[in-house]
Amino acid sequence: MFDSSVFKLPGAGRTAVLLAFLSLASALTAVIQAWAICTVLVGLWHGEDAGGMTGLLAIFAACFAGSRALEAIRDWVLKRFAAARAGELRRQALERLLAGRALDEDGSAGTGSAAGTALVIEGAEQVEAYLTLALGKAIDLAVIPVVLLVALFTLDPVSAVIALMAFAFII
């Protein structure tokens, strides 16, 4: 599940906008890749010369390389954001723990600072993993299907309607 309170974290809005642009660019490269390779395959099927297809194959290869680069940038942005937020959380929790403000229900100081420190570190790592995964997936889920549906509607409206109906099952 995705918790929308993630967007209340410092830097989340700016990161989400950047991720949306990266998702948009990634979706566009996927559409261009699909168009280029389909055009090549249909041309070859109809007996066209393979030498005349080098431009389309170059477009496909460039979009493929571009999509991999966009994915690497996206991963870097997500990891940087998640590490910064988890680091802040870890620091705040350790400060509370070591200052004696982290208490059990009965008012005692807890099970000890070593055990508490281990729990804080493990929890911060889990938050970092969640932020890295969930924020990127949520943005991708909001952007990529829209781009693909727009491309489908321009090429084949019937296929776009079928894809739109199937989208509910995919999620």
Protein backbone atom coordinates (compact mmCIF):
# COMPACT_ATOMS: atom_id res chain seq x y z
CA MET A 1 0.00 0.00 0.00
CA PHE A 2 1.07 3.54 -0.63
CA ASP A 3 0.77 6.10 2.13
CA SER A 4 0.03 9.56 0.73
CA SER A 5 1.68 11.16 3.77
CA VAL A 6 4.98 10.42 1.99
CA PHE A 7 4.34 13.61 0.03
CA LYS A 8 4.48 15.59 3.29
CA LEU A 9 8.15 14.68 3.78
CA PRO A 10 10.71 17.40 3.06
CA GLY A 11 11.72 17.35 -0.59
CA ALA A 12 9.01 14.86 -1.59
CA GLY A 13 7.15 17.30 -3.83
CA ARG A 14 10.24 18.27 -5.78
CA THR A 15 11.30 14.63 -6.03
CA ALA A 16 7.82 13.60 -7.22
CA VAL A 17 7.83 16.25 -9.95
CA LEU A 18 11.27 15.14 -11.13
CA LEU A 19 10.15 11.50 -11.08
CA ALA A 20 7.03 12.42 -13.07
CA PHE A 21 9.16 14.04 -15.78
CA LEU A 22 11.46 11.01 -15.84
CA SER A 23 8.44 8.68 -16.06
CA LEU A 24 7.01 10.76 -18.89
CA ALA A 25 10.29 10.62 -20.79
CA SER A 26 10.55 6.89 -20.13
CA ALA A 27 7.03 6.29 -21.40
CA LEU A 28 7.71 8.31 -24.53
CA THR A 29 10.87 6.33 -25.24
CA ALA A 30 8.86 3.11 -24.82
CA VAL A 31 6.24 4.31 -27.30
CA ILE A 32 8.91 5.32 -29.83
CA GLN A 33 10.72 2.00 -29.33
CA ALA A 34 7.52 0.06 -29.96
CA TRP A 35 6.71 2.13 -33.06
CA ALA A 36 10.21 1.73 -34.50
CA ILE A 37 10.49 -2.02 -33.98
CA CYS A 38 6.94 -2.67 -35.20
CA THR A 39 7.59 -0.61 -38.33
CA VAL A 40 10.75 -2.60 -38.99
CA LEU A 41 9.04 -5.94 -38.46
CA VAL A 42 6.06 -5.06 -40.66
CA GLY A 43 8.41 -3.78 -43.35
CA LEU A 44 10.44 -6.97 -43.28
CA TRP A 45 7.24 -9.02 -43.34
CA HIS A 46 6.20 -7.20 -46.50
CA GLY A 47 9.58 -7.96 -48.07
CA GLU A 48 11.19 -4.53 -47.83
CA ASP A 49 14.96 -4.28 -47.90
CA ALA A 50 16.56 -4.62 -44.46
CA GLY A 51 19.17 -2.02 -45.43
CA GLY A 52 16.47 0.64 -45.58
CA MET A 53 15.53 -0.07 -42.00
CA THR A 54 18.80 1.05 -40.40
CA GLY A 55 17.42 4.45 -39.49
CA LEU A 56 14.50 2.90 -37.62
CA LEU A 57 16.80 0.43 -35.93
CA ALA A 58 19.04 3.32 -34.87
CA ILE A 59 16.00 5.10 -33.42
CA PHE A 60 15.09 1.91 -31.55
CA ALA A 61 18.63 1.51 -30.21
CA ALA A 62 18.83 5.17 -29.16
CA CYS A 63 15.50 4.96 -27.33
CA PHE A 64 16.57 1.73 -25.67
CA ALA A 65 19.79 3.34 -24.43
CA GLY A 66 17.85 6.43 -23.41
CA SER A 67 15.35 4.42 -21.41
CA ARG A 68 18.16 2.65 -19.55
CA ALA A 69 19.77 6.01 -18.79
CA LEU A 70 16.46 7.41 -17.57
CA GLU A 71 16.02 4.36 -15.35
CA ALA A 72 19.49 4.85 -13.85
CA ILE A 73 18.74 8.54 -13.16
CA ARG A 74 15.38 7.63 -11.64
CA ASP A 75 16.99 5.06 -9.35
CA TRP A 76 19.65 7.57 -8.30
CA VAL A 77 17.03 10.24 -7.50
CA LEU A 78 14.93 7.77 -5.51
CA LYS A 79 17.87 6.38 -3.55
CA ARG A 80 19.15 9.87 -2.74
CA PHE A 81 15.71 11.01 -1.53
CA ALA A 82 15.07 7.82 0.47
CA ALA A 83 18.54 7.84 2.06
CA ALA A 84 18.17 11.47 3.12
CA ARG A 85 14.73 10.92 4.69
CA ALA A 86 15.80 7.68 6.39
CA GLY A 87 18.93 9.39 7.69
CA GLU A 88 16.84 12.17 9.22
CA LEU A 89 14.48 9.63 10.78
CA ARG A 90 17.39 7.57 12.11
CA ARG A 91 19.03 10.67 13.63
CA GLN A 92 15.82 11.89 15.27
CA ALA A 93 14.98 8.46 16.68
CA LEU A 94 18.49 7.92 18.04
CA GLU A 95 18.47 11.37 19.64
CA ARG A 96 15.20 10.54 21.40
CA LEU A 97 16.41 7.11 22.42
CA LEU A 98 19.73 8.26 23.78
CA ALA A 99 18.19 11.25 25.51
CA GLY A 100 15.93 8.87 27.44
CA ARG A 101 12.72 10.15 25.89
CA ALA A 102 11.87 6.85 24.23
CA LEU A 103 9.94 5.01 26.93
CA ASP A 104 7.99 1.78 27.10
CA GLU A 105 4.29 1.77 28.01
CA ASP A 106 5.15 1.34 31.71
CA GLY A 107 7.43 4.40 31.69
CA SER A 108 10.70 2.47 31.81
CA ALA A 109 13.60 3.39 29.57
CA GLY A 110 13.06 0.41 27.28
CA THR A 111 15.08 -2.72 26.75
CA GLY A 112 18.43 -0.95 26.58
CA SER A 113 20.16 1.41 24.27
CA ALA A 114 21.85 -1.35 22.24
CA ALA A 115 18.58 -3.09 21.45
CA GLY A 116 16.87 0.23 20.84
CA THR A 117 19.65 1.36 18.55
CA ALA A 118 19.39 -1.86 16.55
CA LEU A 119 15.62 -1.38 16.19
CA VAL A 120 16.08 2.22 15.05
CA ILE A 121 18.65 1.24 12.44
CA GLU A 122 16.55 -1.65 11.14
CA GLY A 123 13.43 0.51 11.02
CA ALA A 124 15.22 3.29 9.17
CA GLU A 125 16.50 0.79 6.61
CA GLN A 126 12.95 -0.47 6.08
CA VAL A 127 11.67 3.09 5.64
CA GLU A 128 14.42 3.72 3.10
CA ALA A 129 13.48 0.58 1.15
CA TYR A 130 9.80 1.55 1.26
CA LEU A 131 10.45 5.09 0.02
CA THR A 132 12.71 3.84 -2.76
CA LEU A 133 10.10 1.39 -3.99
CA ALA A 134 6.74 2.98 -3.27
CA LEU A 135 7.28 6.55 -4.44
CA GLY A 136 8.71 5.50 -7.79
CA LYS A 137 5.98 2.94 -8.41
CA ALA A 138 3.21 5.38 -7.49
CA ILE A 139 4.52 8.04 -9.88
CA ASP A 140 5.03 5.49 -12.67
CA LEU A 141 1.51 4.16 -12.16
CA ALA A 142 0.10 7.67 -12.50
CA VAL A 143 2.10 8.73 -15.59
CA ILE A 144 2.96 5.77 -17.82
CA PRO A 145 -0.56 4.36 -18.43
CA VAL A 146 -1.81 7.81 -19.45
CA VAL A 147 0.97 8.23 -22.02
CA LEU A 148 0.38 4.73 -23.38
CA LEU A 149 -3.37 5.31 -23.62
CA VAL A 150 -2.87 8.59 -25.48
CA ALA A 151 -0.54 6.84 -27.92
CA LEU A 152 -3.03 3.99 -28.36
CA PHE A 153 -5.96 6.34 -28.92
CA THR A 154 -4.05 8.11 -31.69
CA LEU A 155 -3.14 4.81 -33.39
CA ASP A 156 -6.15 2.56 -32.76
CA PRO A 157 -9.08 3.77 -30.63
CA VAL A 158 -10.62 0.28 -30.32
CA SER A 159 -7.39 -1.13 -28.89
CA ALA A 160 -7.19 1.85 -26.55
CA VAL A 161 -10.68 1.16 -25.18
CA ILE A 162 -9.77 -2.49 -24.65
CA ALA A 163 -6.56 -1.46 -22.87
CA LEU A 164 -8.49 1.00 -20.73
CA MET A 165 -10.92 -1.70 -19.67
CA ALA A 166 -8.08 -4.15 -18.97
CA PHE A 167 -6.17 -1.57 -16.92
CA ALA A 168 -8.44 -2.15 -13.93
CA PHE A 169 -7.48 -5.83 -13.95
CA ILE A 170 -3.79 -5.10 -14.26
CA ILE A 171 -3.71 -3.03 -11.08
